Amino acid sequence: MKKNDRVSFRTVMIVTGLIFLLLVLTSVISNTILFFGIKSGFLNIRPEIRLLPFLIQAGVISILTGTLLSLILSRFPMRSVQKLIRAIHRVAEGHFDTKINLKHPKEFRELSDCFNQMTDELAGIEILRSDFINNFSHEFRTPIMSILGFARLIKRGHLPEEEKNEYLDIIISESRRLSELSSQVLNLSKVESLTLLTDLTSFNAGEQIREAILQLEQKWNRRNISFDLEIENVKIKGNQSLLKEVWVNLIDNAVKFSPENSVISIHAYSNGEHMVFVIEDRGEGMDETTCGKIFDKFYQGDASHATEGNGLGLPLVKKIVELHRGSIKVKSQPGRGSIFVVMLPLED
């Protein structure tokens, strides 16, 4: 018997049992009232007295007794329902710490557990929403205020040419940062709205990974970073432009968090069922809490925002990988670098 069928059967049995109990109690109490009524002389039932008035009296007593018992017994389950209603109103007002603790019957206990689980999830979502707004505001406000400040300094004039050029370079850099941020927000929004991939083609993923490394040459050259590469030519089927974002973001992150003069290891190969992409840096690494949050939008392990980035790259990577029916995992320990592993199904 399926779980839903068992729940329905149990519910029917409970309702039937309650009705039976109500009928028995009504019968017992009504007969008791009739017995004491006859014994006290309040009700007369003698051979010369017609039976119909007695039956009417007995019926009225039974109806009143049953109604009173129904009102009394209904208060017990209704009390739990009223608790649930009050709790729902509190959640609707934004109090996501609301909890209920219904014990009986078993279905109410299960309802109580589900309600508490729901409020825990809502509380977590509210924290993420608040963090998202705070981080989003910070990421946009900082470059805008920087641009505004240096533009005002230039407008005042009387600046040495070298200093003016320095300020203009900062304005260009911050403008580029804003442009990249808005582009990533739009890309993430577009990817999150996708439920079905289009423009699927078969291509050499190994070659695409090599192109992504060359695309970031200026960044890793500047930090004197070298690569330990073992990249096989693996054929997969997917959206090339979206998967290019995956490799670029992961390699860019590795370069960003690697110390100067260090080595980044990249391996790409087929295990028979999946293409496996592994990238390992020698950076500061992350603790378990950070590892659990890095795929959240706008989350940055560096709370001071000293490191360049906006916390949108990894959420974008995760969504793209999932759209391709793949998976992404991270392994990291403080002081021992980070390893990202992407697995994508091979071409059918």
Protein backbone atom coordinates (compact mmCIF):
# COMPACT_ATOMS: atom_id res chain seq x y z
CA MET A 1 0.00 0.00 0.00
CA LYS A 2 1.37 3.41 -0.98
CA LYS A 3 2.12 6.04 1.66
CA ASN A 4 -0.72 8.35 0.51
CA ASP A 5 -3.16 5.42 0.58
CA ARG A 6 -2.01 4.47 4.09
CA VAL A 7 -2.51 8.07 5.26
CA SER A 8 -6.00 8.21 3.71
CA PHE A 9 -6.96 4.84 5.24
CA ARG A 10 -5.68 5.92 8.67
CA THR A 11 -7.59 9.20 8.42
CA VAL A 12 -10.83 7.38 7.53
CA MET A 13 -10.34 4.99 10.45
CA ILE A 14 -9.71 7.85 12.88
CA VAL A 15 -12.81 9.75 11.72
CA THR A 16 -14.92 6.58 11.88
CA GLY A 17 -13.61 5.85 15.39
CA LEU A 18 -14.42 9.38 16.55
CA ILE A 19 -17.97 9.15 15.17
CA PHE A 20 -18.45 5.78 16.87
CA LEU A 21 -17.11 7.17 20.15
CA LEU A 22 -19.46 10.15 19.87
CA LEU A 23 -22.45 7.88 19.27
CA VAL A 24 -21.55 5.62 22.22
CA LEU A 25 -21.04 8.57 24.56
CA THR A 26 -24.29 10.16 23.38
CA SER A 27 -26.16 6.90 23.97
CA VAL A 28 -24.66 6.31 27.41
CA ILE A 29 -25.18 9.88 28.65
CA SER A 30 -28.71 10.12 27.19
CA ASN A 31 -29.76 6.81 28.79
CA THR A 32 -28.24 7.89 32.08
CA ILE A 33 -30.22 11.15 31.97
CA LEU A 34 -33.40 9.23 31.09
CA PHE A 35 -32.81 6.74 33.92
CA PHE A 36 -32.36 9.43 36.56
CA GLY A 37 -35.23 11.45 35.04
CA ILE A 38 -37.61 8.51 35.38
CA LYS A 39 -36.31 7.61 38.83
CA SER A 40 -36.74 11.17 40.07
CA GLY A 41 -40.23 11.45 38.57
CA PHE A 42 -39.22 14.16 36.11
CA LEU A 43 -40.15 11.78 33.28
CA ASN A 44 -43.19 9.53 33.45
CA ILE A 45 -43.41 6.21 31.63
CA ARG A 46 -46.36 4.21 32.90
CA PRO A 47 -48.79 1.96 30.97
CA GLU A 48 -51.52 4.59 31.04
CA ILE A 49 -49.12 7.30 29.68
CA ARG A 50 -48.83 7.56 25.88
CA LEU A 51 -45.40 6.56 24.53
CA LEU A 52 -45.03 9.35 21.94
CA PRO A 53 -44.40 12.23 24.40
CA PHE A 54 -41.75 10.12 26.15
CA LEU A 55 -40.01 9.33 22.86
CA ILE A 56 -40.05 13.02 21.93
CA GLN A 57 -38.50 13.88 25.30
CA ALA A 58 -35.88 11.14 24.91
CA GLY A 59 -35.07 12.34 21.37
CA VAL A 60 -34.65 15.94 22.50
CA ILE A 61 -32.34 14.80 25.33
CA SER A 62 -30.27 12.70 22.87
CA ILE A 63 -30.01 15.59 20.37
CA LEU A 64 -28.97 18.07 23.04
CA THR A 65 -26.48 15.60 24.51
CA GLY A 66 -24.95 14.80 21.09
CA THR A 67 -24.71 18.49 20.16
CA LEU A 68 -23.04 19.36 23.45
CA LEU A 69 -20.57 16.47 23.13
CA SER A 70 -19.77 17.47 19.52
CA LEU A 71 -18.99 21.02 20.60
CA ILE A 72 -16.80 19.80 23.46
CA LEU A 73 -14.91 17.15 21.47
CA SER A 74 -14.41 19.41 18.45
CA ARG A 75 -12.51 21.86 20.61
CA PHE A 76 -9.54 19.47 20.87
CA PRO A 77 -8.65 19.14 17.14
CA MET A 78 -9.78 22.73 16.49
CA ARG A 79 -7.29 23.94 19.10
CA SER A 80 -4.45 22.52 16.99
CA VAL A 81 -5.93 23.98 13.81
CA GLN A 82 -6.19 27.39 15.48
CA LYS A 83 -2.52 27.15 16.53
CA LEU A 84 -1.60 26.40 12.92
CA ILE A 85 -3.69 29.33 11.64
CA ARG A 86 -2.03 31.73 14.09
CA ALA A 87 1.41 30.43 13.09
CA ILE A 88 0.62 30.88 9.38
CA HIS A 89 -0.42 34.49 10.04
CA ARG A 90 2.89 35.12 11.83
CA VAL A 91 4.86 33.68 8.90
CA ALA A 92 2.84 35.86 6.51
CA GLU A 93 3.96 38.88 8.59
CA GLY A 94 7.61 37.89 8.07
CA HIS A 95 8.33 36.07 11.36
CA PHE A 96 10.20 33.10 9.88
CA ASP A 97 11.37 31.91 13.31
CA THR A 98 7.79 30.76 14.08
CA LYS A 99 7.51 27.13 15.21
CA ILE A 100 4.60 24.86 16.19
CA ASN A 101 4.68 21.67 18.22
CA LEU A 102 1.53 19.60 17.62
CA LYS A 103 1.69 16.13 19.21
CA HIS A 104 -1.58 14.35 18.43
CA PRO A 105 -2.83 12.80 16.24
CA LYS A 106 0.09 11.47 14.19
CA GLU A 107 -0.98 13.44 11.10
CA PHE A 108 -0.84 16.70 13.07
CA ARG A 109 2.65 15.78 14.32
CA GLU A 110 3.76 15.26 10.72
CA LEU A 111 2.10 18.55 9.74
CA SER A 112 3.98 20.26 12.57
CA ASP A 113 7.34 18.88 11.37
CA CYS A 114 6.63 19.97 7.76
CA PHE A 115 5.63 23.47 8.90
CA ASN A 116 8.82 23.88 10.97
CA GLN A 117 10.94 22.65 8.07
CA MET A 118 9.22 25.18 5.80
CA THR A 119 9.94 28.09 8.18
CA ASP A 120 13.60 27.00 8.44
CA GLU A 121 13.86 27.09 4.63
CA LEU A 122 12.15 30.50 4.48
CA ALA A 123 14.52 31.87 7.15
CA GLY A 124 17.50 30.69 5.09
CA ILE A 125 16.08 32.26 1.92
CA GLU A 126 15.51 35.54 3.77
CA ILE A 127 19.14 35.60 4.93
CA LEU A 128 20.31 34.96 1.35
CA ARG A 129 18.00 37.70 0.05
CA SER A 130 19.33 40.18 2.59
CA ASP A 131 22.95 39.24 1.81
CA PHE A 132 22.23 39.50 -1.91
CA ILE A 133 20.85 43.04 -1.58
CA ASN A 134 23.73 44.17 0.65
CA ASN A 135 26.41 42.70 -1.63
CA PHE A 136 24.72 43.92 -4.79
CA SER A 137 24.51 47.46 -3.37
CA HIS A 138 28.17 47.34 -2.33
CA GLU A 139 29.38 46.05 -5.70
CA PHE A 140 27.61 48.82 -7.60
CA ARG A 141 28.08 51.67 -5.14
CA THR A 142 31.85 51.29 -4.77
CA PRO A 143 32.87 51.86 -8.43
CA ILE A 144 30.21 54.55 -8.90
CA MET A 145 31.49 56.54 -5.91
CA SER A 146 35.06 56.07 -7.13
CA ILE A 147 34.18 57.35 -10.62
CA LEU A 148 32.27 60.29 -9.13
CA GLY A 149 35.11 61.27 -6.81
CA PHE A 150 37.89 61.20 -9.42
CA ALA A 151 35.69 62.93 -12.03
CA ARG A 152 35.17 65.82 -9.59
CA LEU A 153 38.92 66.08 -8.97
CA ILE A 154 39.59 66.26 -12.71
CA LYS A 155 36.84 68.86 -13.18
CA ARG A 156 38.48 71.18 -10.65
CA GLY A 157 41.47 71.37 -12.96
CA HIS A 158 45.01 72.49 -12.16
CA LEU A 159 46.18 68.87 -11.95
CA PRO A 160 49.53 67.67 -13.23
CA GLU A 161 49.15 65.70 -16.45
CA GLU A 162 50.51 62.55 -14.86
CA GLU A 163 48.06 62.71 -11.96
CA LYS A 164 45.14 63.46 -14.29
CA ASN A 165 46.00 60.44 -16.43
CA GLU A 166 46.18 58.29 -13.32
CA TYR A 167 42.68 59.40 -12.29
CA LEU A 168 41.38 58.77 -15.80
CA ASP A 169 42.85 55.26 -15.73
CA ILE A 170 41.01 54.61 -12.46
CA ILE A 171 37.75 55.90 -13.96
CA ILE A 172 38.22 53.64 -17.01
CA SER A 173 39.04 50.67 -14.77
CA GLU A 174 36.00 51.22 -12.54
CA SER A 175 33.77 51.75 -15.58
CA ARG A 176 35.01 48.45 -17.01
CA ARG A 177 34.29 46.81 -13.65
CA LEU A 178 30.71 48.12 -13.72
CA SER A 179 30.30 46.93 -17.28
CA GLU A 180 31.55 43.44 -16.39
CA LEU A 181 29.28 43.32 -13.35
CA SER A 182 26.18 44.30 -15.32
CA SER A 183 27.10 41.78 -18.02
CA GLN A 184 27.46 38.98 -15.49
CA VAL A 185 24.15 39.90 -13.84
CA LEU A 186 22.44 39.77 -17.24
CA ASN A 187 24.19 36.50 -18.16
CA LEU A 188 23.23 34.88 -14.87
CA SER A 189 19.63 36.09 -15.22
CA LYS A 190 19.47 34.73 -18.77
CA VAL A 191 20.96 31.37 -17.81
CA GLU A 192 18.72 31.00 -14.74
CA SER A 193 15.64 31.48 -16.89
CA LEU A 194 16.70 28.61 -19.17
CA THR A 195 15.04 25.25 -18.73
CA LEU A 196 16.16 23.74 -22.04
CA LEU A 197 19.48 24.20 -23.81
CA THR A 198 19.57 25.35 -27.42
CA ASP A 199 22.34 25.61 -30.04
CA LEU A 200 23.79 22.24 -29.04
CA THR A 201 26.81 21.14 -31.06
CA SER A 202 29.51 18.47 -30.78
CA PHE A 203 32.92 19.98 -30.18
CA ASN A 204 36.38 19.32 -28.75
CA ALA A 205 36.20 20.41 -25.07
CA GLY A 206 39.97 20.02 -24.64
CA GLU A 207 40.63 22.53 -27.39
CA GLN A 208 38.11 24.95 -25.87
CA ILE A 209 39.87 24.74 -22.48
CA ARG A 210 43.23 25.57 -24.12
CA GLU A 211 41.61 28.60 -25.80
CA ALA A 212 40.26 29.76 -22.41
CA ILE A 213 43.77 29.59 -20.92
CA LEU A 214 45.18 31.67 -23.79
CA GLN A 215 42.32 34.16 -23.43
CA LEU A 216 43.50 34.92 -19.88
CA GLU A 217 47.20 35.03 -20.79
CA GLN A 218 47.62 38.67 -19.83
CA LYS A 219 46.33 38.00 -16.29
CA TRP A 220 48.49 34.96 -15.51
CA ASN A 221 51.56 36.47 -17.19
CA ARG A 222 51.25 39.53 -14.97
CA ARG A 223 51.44 37.28 -11.87
CA ASN A 224 54.11 35.02 -13.37
CA ILE A 225 51.88 31.96 -12.99
CA SER A 226 52.65 28.76 -14.90
CA PHE A 227 50.44 25.76 -15.72
CA ASP A 228 50.74 22.02 -15.31
CA LEU A 229 48.48 20.79 -18.13
CA GLU A 230 47.19 17.33 -18.99
CA ILE A 231 44.34 18.02 -21.38
CA GLU A 232 42.93 15.30 -23.59
CA ASN A 233 40.83 15.94 -26.68
CA VAL A 234 37.37 14.96 -25.42
CA LYS A 235 34.24 15.28 -27.55
CA ILE A 236 31.11 16.51 -25.76
CA LYS A 237 27.78 17.89 -26.90
CA GLY A 238 26.60 21.20 -25.50
CA ASN A 239 26.26 24.93 -25.92
CA GLN A 240 29.79 26.10 -26.78
CA SER A 241 29.40 29.72 -25.69
CA LEU A 242 27.95 28.75 -22.30
CA LEU A 243 30.59 26.11 -21.59
CA LYS A 244 33.32 28.59 -22.54
CA GLU A 245 32.04 30.70 -19.61
CA VAL A 246 32.61 27.71 -17.30
CA TRP A 247 36.29 27.27 -18.22
CA VAL A 248 37.04 31.02 -18.29
CA ASN A 249 35.46 31.64 -14.87
CA LEU A 250 37.18 28.69 -13.17
CA ILE A 251 40.60 29.50 -14.65
CA ASP A 252 40.18 33.21 -13.90
CA ASN A 253 39.34 32.39 -10.27
CA ALA A 254 42.37 30.12 -9.97
CA VAL A 255 44.64 32.88 -11.32
CA LYS A 256 43.03 35.48 -9.07
CA PHE A 257 43.54 33.50 -5.85
CA SER A 258 46.94 31.99 -6.66
CA PRO A 259 50.09 33.58 -5.25
CA GLU A 260 52.60 35.00 -7.66
CA ASN A 261 55.14 32.59 -9.19
CA SER A 262 52.89 29.61 -8.41
CA VAL A 263 51.57 26.74 -10.55
CA ILE A 264 47.97 25.93 -11.52
CA SER A 265 47.22 22.31 -12.45
CA ILE A 266 44.54 21.59 -15.06
CA HIS A 267 43.54 18.07 -16.10
CA ALA A 268 40.80 17.16 -18.57
CA TYR A 269 40.06 13.58 -19.56
CA SER A 270 37.35 11.00 -20.23
CA ASN A 271 36.46 8.33 -17.68
CA GLY A 272 34.28 6.45 -20.15
CA GLU A 273 30.98 8.08 -19.15
CA HIS A 274 31.93 11.67 -18.38
CA MET A 275 34.39 14.32 -19.31
CA VAL A 276 36.25 15.25 -16.12
CA PHE A 277 37.78 18.71 -15.69
CA VAL A 278 39.97 19.27 -12.63
CA ILE A 279 41.63 22.59 -11.78
CA GLU A 280 43.82 23.03 -8.70
CA ASP A 281 45.43 26.21 -7.40
CA ARG A 282 47.96 26.80 -4.61
CA GLY A 283 46.09 29.67 -3.00
CA GLU A 284 44.91 30.28 0.55
CA GLY A 285 42.12 27.72 0.30
CA MET A 286 38.72 27.86 2.00
CA ASP A 287 37.13 26.49 5.15
CA GLU A 288 34.09 24.21 5.11
CA THR A 289 31.61 27.08 5.64
CA THR A 290 32.97 29.03 2.68
CA CYS A 291 32.95 25.94 0.47
CA GLY A 292 29.25 25.51 1.22
CA LYS A 293 28.39 29.07 0.16
CA ILE A 294 30.61 29.91 -2.82
CA PHE A 295 27.89 28.93 -5.30
CA ASP A 296 25.47 31.46 -3.75
CA LYS A 297 24.96 34.65 -5.72
CA PHE A 298 27.19 37.56 -4.62
CA TYR A 299 28.84 35.49 -1.90
CA GLN A 300 32.52 36.26 -1.42
CA GLY A 301 34.77 34.47 1.05
CA ASP A 302 36.69 37.73 1.47
CA ALA A 303 34.23 39.77 3.53
CA SER A 304 36.44 42.87 3.19
CA HIS A 305 35.95 42.79 -0.64
CA ALA A 306 39.68 43.39 -0.98
CA THR A 307 39.91 40.73 -3.69
CA GLU A 308 38.63 41.67 -7.12
CA GLY A 309 35.36 39.91 -7.93
CA ASN A 310 31.62 40.12 -7.51
CA GLY A 311 30.50 36.64 -6.48
CA LEU A 312 28.56 35.93 -9.68
CA GLY A 313 31.02 33.75 -11.60
CA LEU A 314 30.61 30.50 -9.66
CA PRO A 315 26.78 30.64 -9.48
CA LEU A 316 26.83 31.12 -13.26
CA VAL A 317 29.22 28.17 -13.66
CA LYS A 318 27.07 25.90 -11.48
CA LYS A 319 23.88 26.73 -13.38
CA ILE A 320 25.51 26.13 -16.78
CA VAL A 321 26.96 22.79 -15.64
CA GLU A 322 23.59 21.67 -14.27
CA LEU A 323 21.86 22.65 -17.52
CA HIS A 324 24.29 20.26 -19.26
CA ARG A 325 23.29 17.49 -16.81
CA GLY A 326 26.68 17.70 -15.15
CA SER A 327 28.01 18.38 -11.67
CA ILE A 328 30.60 20.61 -10.02
CA LYS A 329 32.32 20.02 -6.67
CA VAL A 330 34.93 21.86 -4.68
CA LYS A 331 37.56 20.48 -2.30
CA SER A 332 39.55 22.91 -0.22
CA GLN A 333 41.31 23.43 3.08
CA PRO A 334 42.73 26.66 4.53
CA GLY A 335 46.33 27.09 3.44
CA ARG A 336 46.24 24.17 0.99
CA GLY A 337 44.59 25.63 -2.11
CA SER A 338 41.36 24.64 -3.83
CA ILE A 339 40.34 21.95 -6.31
CA PHE A 340 37.28 22.28 -8.54
CA VAL A 341 35.99 19.19 -10.34
CA VAL A 342 33.49 19.46 -13.21
CA MET A 343 31.88 16.36 -14.73
CA LEU A 344 29.91 16.54 -17.98
CA PRO A 345 28.30 13.63 -19.84
CA LEU A 346 30.11 12.54 -22.99
CA GLU A 347 28.54 12.86 -26.40
CA ASP A 348 25.93 10.12 -26.94
